[in-house]
Amino acid sequence: MFVHKMWVDHELSKMVSSGTVPFPMLSDAGGNVGQAYGVYDADAGVDVRGRFLIDPDGVIQAYEVLTPPVGRNVAETLRQIQAYQLVRESKGSQAVPSGWKPGKTVLTPGPHLVGNVWKEWKVQMAFE
């Protein structure tokens, strides 16, 4: 928790316009949460850096685990959250291609889409 405090005070607070962390942070002394999610490094006694997108039903929809020298892409995390929200709100009647962004073309899942996603993706990428 002390490392989190230093990171918030000296780094994150300077990167966000509000100056405060817009999400709760977790300190996992003892590694119980890390063990549950499979990211606890018992030899080092710490959790490996990772992020998990968990839907309102408690189901992990996505996760990413990176070693400390490589930073995470916050914009990609936000894009994925927006994509999962869209799919959830549509009750699965819509899907999004790779690289989808809000306002871009969505897909309608079904047999017609099998082997044809590239066509939709190619059209979408041409307009970016």
N, C-alpha and C. Protein backbone atom coordinates (compact mmCIF):
# COMPACT_ATOMS: atom_id res chain seq x y z
N MET A 1 0.82 -1.19 0.00
CA MET A 1 0.00 0.00 0.00
C MET A 1 0.86 1.26 0.00
N PHE A 2 2.09 1.17 0.54
CA PHE A 2 2.96 2.34 0.57
C PHE A 2 3.48 2.67 -0.84
N VAL A 3 3.74 1.64 -1.62
CA VAL A 3 4.16 1.86 -3.01
C VAL A 3 3.02 2.50 -3.79
N HIS A 4 1.78 2.05 -3.55
CA HIS A 4 0.63 2.66 -4.22
C HIS A 4 0.53 4.13 -3.86
N LYS A 5 0.70 4.45 -2.58
CA LYS A 5 0.60 5.85 -2.15
C LYS A 5 1.65 6.71 -2.84
N MET A 6 2.86 6.23 -2.90
CA MET A 6 3.93 6.99 -3.58
C MET A 6 3.61 7.15 -5.06
N TRP A 7 3.11 6.09 -5.69
CA TRP A 7 2.79 6.14 -7.11
C TRP A 7 1.68 7.15 -7.36
N VAL A 8 0.66 7.14 -6.50
CA VAL A 8 -0.44 8.10 -6.65
C VAL A 8 0.05 9.52 -6.42
N ASP A 9 0.78 9.74 -5.34
CA ASP A 9 1.23 11.08 -4.99
C ASP A 9 2.22 11.68 -5.98
N HIS A 10 3.12 10.86 -6.50
CA HIS A 10 4.21 11.39 -7.32
C HIS A 10 4.09 11.10 -8.81
N GLU A 11 3.16 10.26 -9.20
CA GLU A 11 3.02 9.93 -10.62
C GLU A 11 1.59 10.12 -11.10
N LEU A 12 0.70 9.24 -10.65
CA LEU A 12 -0.66 9.22 -11.18
C LEU A 12 -1.38 10.54 -11.00
N SER A 13 -1.21 11.19 -9.85
CA SER A 13 -1.91 12.45 -9.61
C SER A 13 -1.52 13.52 -10.63
N LYS A 14 -0.36 13.38 -11.24
CA LYS A 14 0.09 14.34 -12.25
C LYS A 14 -0.39 13.96 -13.65
N MET A 15 -0.93 12.74 -13.79
CA MET A 15 -1.38 12.26 -15.10
C MET A 15 -2.88 12.40 -15.30
N VAL A 16 -3.65 12.60 -14.24
CA VAL A 16 -5.09 12.72 -14.37
C VAL A 16 -5.51 14.14 -14.02
N SER A 17 -6.49 14.65 -14.76
CA SER A 17 -6.88 16.05 -14.59
C SER A 17 -7.44 16.35 -13.19
N SER A 18 -8.09 15.38 -12.58
CA SER A 18 -8.68 15.62 -11.26
C SER A 18 -7.63 15.62 -10.15
N GLY A 19 -6.46 15.03 -10.43
CA GLY A 19 -5.41 14.96 -9.42
C GLY A 19 -5.61 13.83 -8.42
N THR A 20 -6.71 13.09 -8.58
CA THR A 20 -6.98 11.97 -7.68
C THR A 20 -7.21 10.70 -8.50
N VAL A 21 -7.04 9.57 -7.87
CA VAL A 21 -7.22 8.29 -8.54
C VAL A 21 -8.71 8.05 -8.76
N PRO A 22 -9.13 7.80 -10.00
CA PRO A 22 -10.56 7.64 -10.29
C PRO A 22 -11.06 6.21 -10.09
N PHE A 23 -10.29 5.39 -9.37
CA PHE A 23 -10.68 4.00 -9.16
C PHE A 23 -10.06 3.51 -7.86
N PRO A 24 -10.66 2.49 -7.25
CA PRO A 24 -10.07 1.95 -6.02
C PRO A 24 -8.82 1.14 -6.33
N MET A 25 -7.86 1.17 -5.43
CA MET A 25 -6.65 0.39 -5.58
C MET A 25 -6.61 -0.66 -4.48
N LEU A 26 -6.00 -1.78 -4.78
CA LEU A 26 -5.95 -2.90 -3.86
C LEU A 26 -4.52 -3.19 -3.46
N SER A 27 -4.29 -3.39 -2.19
CA SER A 27 -3.01 -3.87 -1.70
C SER A 27 -3.24 -5.30 -1.24
N ASP A 28 -2.43 -6.22 -1.72
CA ASP A 28 -2.66 -7.64 -1.49
C ASP A 28 -1.60 -8.24 -0.59
N ALA A 29 -1.46 -7.70 0.62
CA ALA A 29 -0.50 -8.26 1.58
C ALA A 29 -0.87 -9.71 1.84
N GLY A 30 0.07 -10.60 1.67
CA GLY A 30 -0.19 -12.02 1.87
C GLY A 30 -0.51 -12.76 0.59
N GLY A 31 -0.87 -12.03 -0.46
CA GLY A 31 -1.07 -12.65 -1.77
C GLY A 31 -2.34 -13.45 -1.96
N ASN A 32 -3.34 -13.29 -1.12
CA ASN A 32 -4.58 -14.07 -1.26
C ASN A 32 -5.30 -13.79 -2.58
N VAL A 33 -5.42 -12.51 -2.93
CA VAL A 33 -6.11 -12.16 -4.18
C VAL A 33 -5.28 -12.64 -5.38
N GLY A 34 -3.98 -12.39 -5.33
CA GLY A 34 -3.10 -12.84 -6.41
C GLY A 34 -3.13 -14.34 -6.62
N GLN A 35 -3.21 -15.08 -5.53
CA GLN A 35 -3.31 -16.54 -5.65
C GLN A 35 -4.63 -16.93 -6.30
N ALA A 36 -5.71 -16.27 -5.92
CA ALA A 36 -7.03 -16.58 -6.49
C ALA A 36 -7.07 -16.31 -7.98
N TYR A 37 -6.34 -15.29 -8.44
CA TYR A 37 -6.34 -14.94 -9.86
C TYR A 37 -5.14 -15.51 -10.61
N GLY A 38 -4.31 -16.25 -9.92
CA GLY A 38 -3.19 -16.92 -10.59
C GLY A 38 -2.03 -16.00 -10.94
N VAL A 39 -1.86 -14.89 -10.23
CA VAL A 39 -0.78 -13.96 -10.55
C VAL A 39 0.19 -13.75 -9.38
N TYR A 40 0.11 -14.62 -8.38
CA TYR A 40 0.99 -14.48 -7.23
C TYR A 40 2.32 -15.18 -7.49
N ASP A 41 3.42 -14.47 -7.32
CA ASP A 41 4.76 -15.03 -7.46
C ASP A 41 5.25 -15.37 -6.05
N ALA A 42 5.14 -16.65 -5.69
CA ALA A 42 5.48 -17.09 -4.33
C ALA A 42 6.95 -16.86 -4.02
N ASP A 43 7.83 -17.04 -5.00
CA ASP A 43 9.27 -16.85 -4.77
C ASP A 43 9.60 -15.40 -4.40
N ALA A 44 8.95 -14.46 -5.09
CA ALA A 44 9.20 -13.04 -4.82
C ALA A 44 8.30 -12.51 -3.70
N GLY A 45 7.20 -13.23 -3.41
CA GLY A 45 6.28 -12.79 -2.37
C GLY A 45 5.40 -11.61 -2.78
N VAL A 46 5.19 -11.46 -4.09
CA VAL A 46 4.37 -10.35 -4.59
C VAL A 46 3.49 -10.83 -5.74
N ASP A 47 2.47 -10.04 -6.05
CA ASP A 47 1.64 -10.30 -7.21
C ASP A 47 2.35 -9.76 -8.45
N VAL A 48 2.20 -10.46 -9.55
CA VAL A 48 2.69 -9.97 -10.83
C VAL A 48 1.68 -8.90 -11.29
N ARG A 49 2.17 -7.87 -11.96
CA ARG A 49 1.31 -6.78 -12.40
C ARG A 49 0.29 -7.30 -13.42
N GLY A 50 -0.97 -6.98 -13.17
CA GLY A 50 -2.01 -7.41 -14.10
C GLY A 50 -3.27 -6.59 -13.94
N ARG A 51 -4.16 -6.76 -14.89
CA ARG A 51 -5.47 -6.12 -14.80
C ARG A 51 -6.52 -7.13 -15.24
N PHE A 52 -7.67 -7.07 -14.61
CA PHE A 52 -8.76 -7.99 -14.88
C PHE A 52 -10.02 -7.18 -15.12
N LEU A 53 -10.74 -7.47 -16.20
CA LEU A 53 -12.02 -6.83 -16.45
C LEU A 53 -13.09 -7.83 -16.04
N ILE A 54 -13.84 -7.46 -15.01
CA ILE A 54 -14.84 -8.35 -14.42
C ILE A 54 -16.21 -7.71 -14.62
N ASP A 55 -17.13 -8.46 -15.21
CA ASP A 55 -18.45 -7.90 -15.50
C ASP A 55 -19.31 -7.83 -14.24
N PRO A 56 -20.47 -7.18 -14.31
CA PRO A 56 -21.32 -7.04 -13.13
C PRO A 56 -21.76 -8.37 -12.52
N ASP A 57 -21.69 -9.46 -13.29
CA ASP A 57 -22.05 -10.78 -12.77
C ASP A 57 -20.87 -11.48 -12.11
N GLY A 58 -19.70 -10.80 -12.07
CA GLY A 58 -18.52 -11.38 -11.44
C GLY A 58 -17.72 -12.30 -12.35
N VAL A 59 -17.99 -12.26 -13.66
CA VAL A 59 -17.29 -13.11 -14.62
C VAL A 59 -16.12 -12.34 -15.23
N ILE A 60 -14.94 -12.94 -15.21
CA ILE A 60 -13.78 -12.31 -15.84
C ILE A 60 -13.98 -12.34 -17.36
N GLN A 61 -14.02 -11.17 -17.97
CA GLN A 61 -14.19 -11.07 -19.41
C GLN A 61 -12.84 -10.93 -20.12
N ALA A 62 -11.86 -10.35 -19.44
CA ALA A 62 -10.54 -10.15 -20.05
C ALA A 62 -9.52 -9.99 -18.94
N TYR A 63 -8.30 -10.35 -19.25
CA TYR A 63 -7.21 -10.08 -18.32
C TYR A 63 -5.91 -9.93 -19.09
N GLU A 64 -4.98 -9.23 -18.47
CA GLU A 64 -3.68 -9.01 -19.07
C GLU A 64 -2.67 -9.02 -17.93
N VAL A 65 -1.60 -9.76 -18.12
CA VAL A 65 -0.54 -9.84 -17.13
C VAL A 65 0.76 -9.47 -17.82
N LEU A 66 1.45 -8.49 -17.28
CA LEU A 66 2.70 -8.01 -17.88
C LEU A 66 3.79 -7.97 -16.81
N THR A 67 5.02 -8.16 -17.23
CA THR A 67 6.13 -7.99 -16.31
C THR A 67 6.38 -6.49 -16.12
N PRO A 68 6.97 -6.08 -15.00
CA PRO A 68 7.12 -4.67 -14.69
C PRO A 68 7.79 -3.78 -15.75
N PRO A 69 8.72 -4.28 -16.57
CA PRO A 69 9.34 -3.35 -17.52
C PRO A 69 8.42 -2.85 -18.63
N VAL A 70 7.24 -3.49 -18.79
CA VAL A 70 6.33 -3.09 -19.87
C VAL A 70 5.06 -2.50 -19.26
N GLY A 71 4.76 -1.29 -19.64
CA GLY A 71 3.58 -0.61 -19.11
C GLY A 71 2.31 -1.05 -19.81
N ARG A 72 1.20 -0.86 -19.11
CA ARG A 72 -0.11 -1.19 -19.67
C ARG A 72 -0.65 -0.02 -20.47
N ASN A 73 -1.54 -0.32 -21.41
CA ASN A 73 -2.13 0.70 -22.26
C ASN A 73 -3.52 1.06 -21.72
N VAL A 74 -3.63 2.17 -21.04
CA VAL A 74 -4.88 2.58 -20.43
C VAL A 74 -5.95 2.82 -21.49
N ALA A 75 -5.58 3.41 -22.62
CA ALA A 75 -6.55 3.66 -23.69
C ALA A 75 -7.14 2.34 -24.20
N GLU A 76 -6.31 1.31 -24.31
CA GLU A 76 -6.81 0.00 -24.76
C GLU A 76 -7.73 -0.61 -23.71
N THR A 77 -7.40 -0.45 -22.45
CA THR A 77 -8.26 -0.95 -21.38
C THR A 77 -9.63 -0.28 -21.45
N LEU A 78 -9.65 1.04 -21.61
CA LEU A 78 -10.91 1.77 -21.70
C LEU A 78 -11.70 1.35 -22.94
N ARG A 79 -11.01 1.14 -24.07
CA ARG A 79 -11.67 0.67 -25.30
C ARG A 79 -12.33 -0.68 -25.06
N GLN A 80 -11.62 -1.57 -24.39
CA GLN A 80 -12.19 -2.89 -24.12
C GLN A 80 -13.40 -2.80 -23.19
N ILE A 81 -13.32 -1.96 -22.18
CA ILE A 81 -14.47 -1.78 -21.28
C ILE A 81 -15.68 -1.30 -22.08
N GLN A 82 -15.48 -0.31 -22.96
CA GLN A 82 -16.58 0.20 -23.78
C GLN A 82 -17.13 -0.88 -24.69
N ALA A 83 -16.26 -1.71 -25.24
CA ALA A 83 -16.70 -2.79 -26.11
C ALA A 83 -17.53 -3.82 -25.33
N TYR A 84 -17.04 -4.21 -24.15
CA TYR A 84 -17.80 -5.16 -23.34
C TYR A 84 -19.14 -4.59 -22.90
N GLN A 85 -19.17 -3.30 -22.61
CA GLN A 85 -20.43 -2.66 -22.22
C GLN A 85 -21.41 -2.68 -23.38
N LEU A 86 -20.95 -2.38 -24.59
CA LEU A 86 -21.81 -2.40 -25.76
C LEU A 86 -22.38 -3.79 -25.99
N VAL A 87 -21.52 -4.80 -25.93
CA VAL A 87 -21.97 -6.18 -26.15
C VAL A 87 -22.98 -6.58 -25.07
N ARG A 88 -22.70 -6.20 -23.83
CA ARG A 88 -23.61 -6.55 -22.73
C ARG A 88 -24.96 -5.86 -22.90
N GLU A 89 -24.93 -4.57 -23.22
CA GLU A 89 -26.17 -3.81 -23.39
C GLU A 89 -27.00 -4.35 -24.54
N SER A 90 -26.34 -4.88 -25.57
CA SER A 90 -27.07 -5.44 -26.73
C SER A 90 -27.52 -6.87 -26.47
N LYS A 91 -27.20 -7.40 -25.28
CA LYS A 91 -27.52 -8.78 -24.90
C LYS A 91 -26.94 -9.78 -25.92
N GLY A 92 -25.77 -9.43 -26.45
CA GLY A 92 -25.08 -10.33 -27.37
C GLY A 92 -25.53 -10.24 -28.82
N SER A 93 -26.42 -9.31 -29.12
CA SER A 93 -26.87 -9.18 -30.52
C SER A 93 -25.87 -8.38 -31.35
N GLN A 94 -24.88 -7.79 -30.69
CA GLN A 94 -23.83 -7.07 -31.39
C GLN A 94 -22.48 -7.56 -30.89
N ALA A 95 -21.51 -7.49 -31.77
CA ALA A 95 -20.13 -7.82 -31.44
C ALA A 95 -19.25 -6.75 -32.07
N VAL A 96 -17.99 -6.69 -31.67
CA VAL A 96 -17.11 -5.67 -32.22
C VAL A 96 -15.85 -6.33 -32.79
N PRO A 97 -15.37 -5.83 -33.92
CA PRO A 97 -14.14 -6.37 -34.49
C PRO A 97 -12.91 -5.84 -33.76
N SER A 98 -11.79 -6.42 -34.06
CA SER A 98 -10.51 -5.99 -33.48
C SER A 98 -10.30 -4.51 -33.74
N GLY A 99 -9.90 -3.78 -32.72
CA GLY A 99 -9.62 -2.36 -32.87
C GLY A 99 -10.85 -1.48 -32.87
N TRP A 100 -12.04 -2.05 -32.65
CA TRP A 100 -13.27 -1.27 -32.64
C TRP A 100 -13.17 -0.12 -31.63
N LYS A 101 -13.79 0.99 -32.00
CA LYS A 101 -13.88 2.15 -31.10
C LYS A 101 -15.33 2.62 -31.10
N PRO A 102 -15.77 3.27 -30.02
CA PRO A 102 -17.15 3.76 -29.98
C PRO A 102 -17.48 4.60 -31.22
N GLY A 103 -18.66 4.35 -31.77
CA GLY A 103 -19.10 5.06 -32.96
C GLY A 103 -18.74 4.36 -34.25
N LYS A 104 -17.90 3.34 -34.18
CA LYS A 104 -17.51 2.60 -35.38
C LYS A 104 -18.47 1.44 -35.61
N THR A 105 -18.33 0.78 -36.73
CA THR A 105 -19.19 -0.33 -37.13
C THR A 105 -19.16 -1.46 -36.12
N VAL A 106 -20.36 -1.96 -35.81
CA VAL A 106 -20.47 -3.16 -34.98
C VAL A 106 -20.88 -4.32 -35.87
N LEU A 107 -20.72 -5.53 -35.36
CA LEU A 107 -21.05 -6.72 -36.12
C LEU A 107 -22.29 -7.38 -35.53
N THR A 108 -23.03 -8.09 -36.39
CA THR A 108 -24.16 -8.88 -35.94
C THR A 108 -23.74 -10.33 -36.01
N PRO A 109 -23.55 -10.97 -34.85
CA PRO A 109 -23.10 -12.36 -34.86
C PRO A 109 -24.09 -13.28 -35.58
N GLY A 110 -23.55 -14.27 -36.23
CA GLY A 110 -24.38 -15.26 -36.92
C GLY A 110 -23.56 -16.02 -37.93
N PRO A 111 -24.15 -17.05 -38.54
CA PRO A 111 -23.42 -17.88 -39.52
C PRO A 111 -22.87 -17.07 -40.69
N HIS A 112 -23.58 -16.00 -41.10
CA HIS A 112 -23.12 -15.18 -42.22
C HIS A 112 -21.77 -14.52 -41.95
N LEU A 113 -21.43 -14.38 -40.70
CA LEU A 113 -20.21 -13.68 -40.33
C LEU A 113 -18.97 -14.59 -40.36
N VAL A 114 -19.20 -15.90 -40.28
CA VAL A 114 -18.09 -16.85 -40.26
C VAL A 114 -17.30 -16.73 -41.56
N GLY A 115 -16.01 -16.45 -41.42
CA GLY A 115 -15.14 -16.29 -42.58
C GLY A 115 -15.25 -14.94 -43.26
N ASN A 116 -16.09 -14.05 -42.71
CA ASN A 116 -16.29 -12.74 -43.34
C ASN A 116 -15.98 -11.56 -42.43
N VAL A 117 -15.50 -11.81 -41.23
CA VAL A 117 -15.18 -10.71 -40.32
C VAL A 117 -14.15 -9.79 -40.95
N TRP A 118 -13.20 -10.35 -41.68
CA TRP A 118 -12.15 -9.54 -42.30
C TRP A 118 -12.73 -8.47 -43.21
N LYS A 119 -13.86 -8.75 -43.87
CA LYS A 119 -14.46 -7.76 -44.76
C LYS A 119 -14.95 -6.56 -43.96
N GLU A 120 -15.62 -6.83 -42.86
CA GLU A 120 -16.10 -5.75 -41.99
C GLU A 120 -14.93 -4.99 -41.38
N TRP A 121 -13.93 -5.73 -40.94
CA TRP A 121 -12.76 -5.13 -40.31
C TRP A 121 -12.03 -4.25 -41.31
N LYS A 122 -11.87 -4.74 -42.55
CA LYS A 122 -11.17 -3.99 -43.59
C LYS A 122 -11.90 -2.69 -43.91
N VAL A 123 -13.20 -2.75 -44.01
CA VAL A 123 -14.00 -1.54 -44.28
C VAL A 123 -13.85 -0.56 -43.13
N GLN A 124 -13.93 -1.05 -41.90
CA GLN A 124 -13.82 -0.18 -40.73
C GLN A 124 -12.45 0.49 -40.68
N MET A 125 -11.40 -0.26 -40.91
CA MET A 125 -10.04 0.28 -40.82
C MET A 125 -9.78 1.31 -41.92
N ALA A 126 -10.47 1.21 -43.05
CA ALA A 126 -10.26 2.15 -44.16
C ALA A 126 -10.73 3.55 -43.79
N PHE A 127 -11.65 3.65 -42.84
CA PHE A 127 -12.22 4.96 -42.48
C PHE A 127 -11.53 5.59 -41.29
N GLU A 128 -10.50 4.96 -40.75
CA GLU A 128 -9.84 5.53 -39.57
C GLU A 128 -8.73 6.47 -39.96
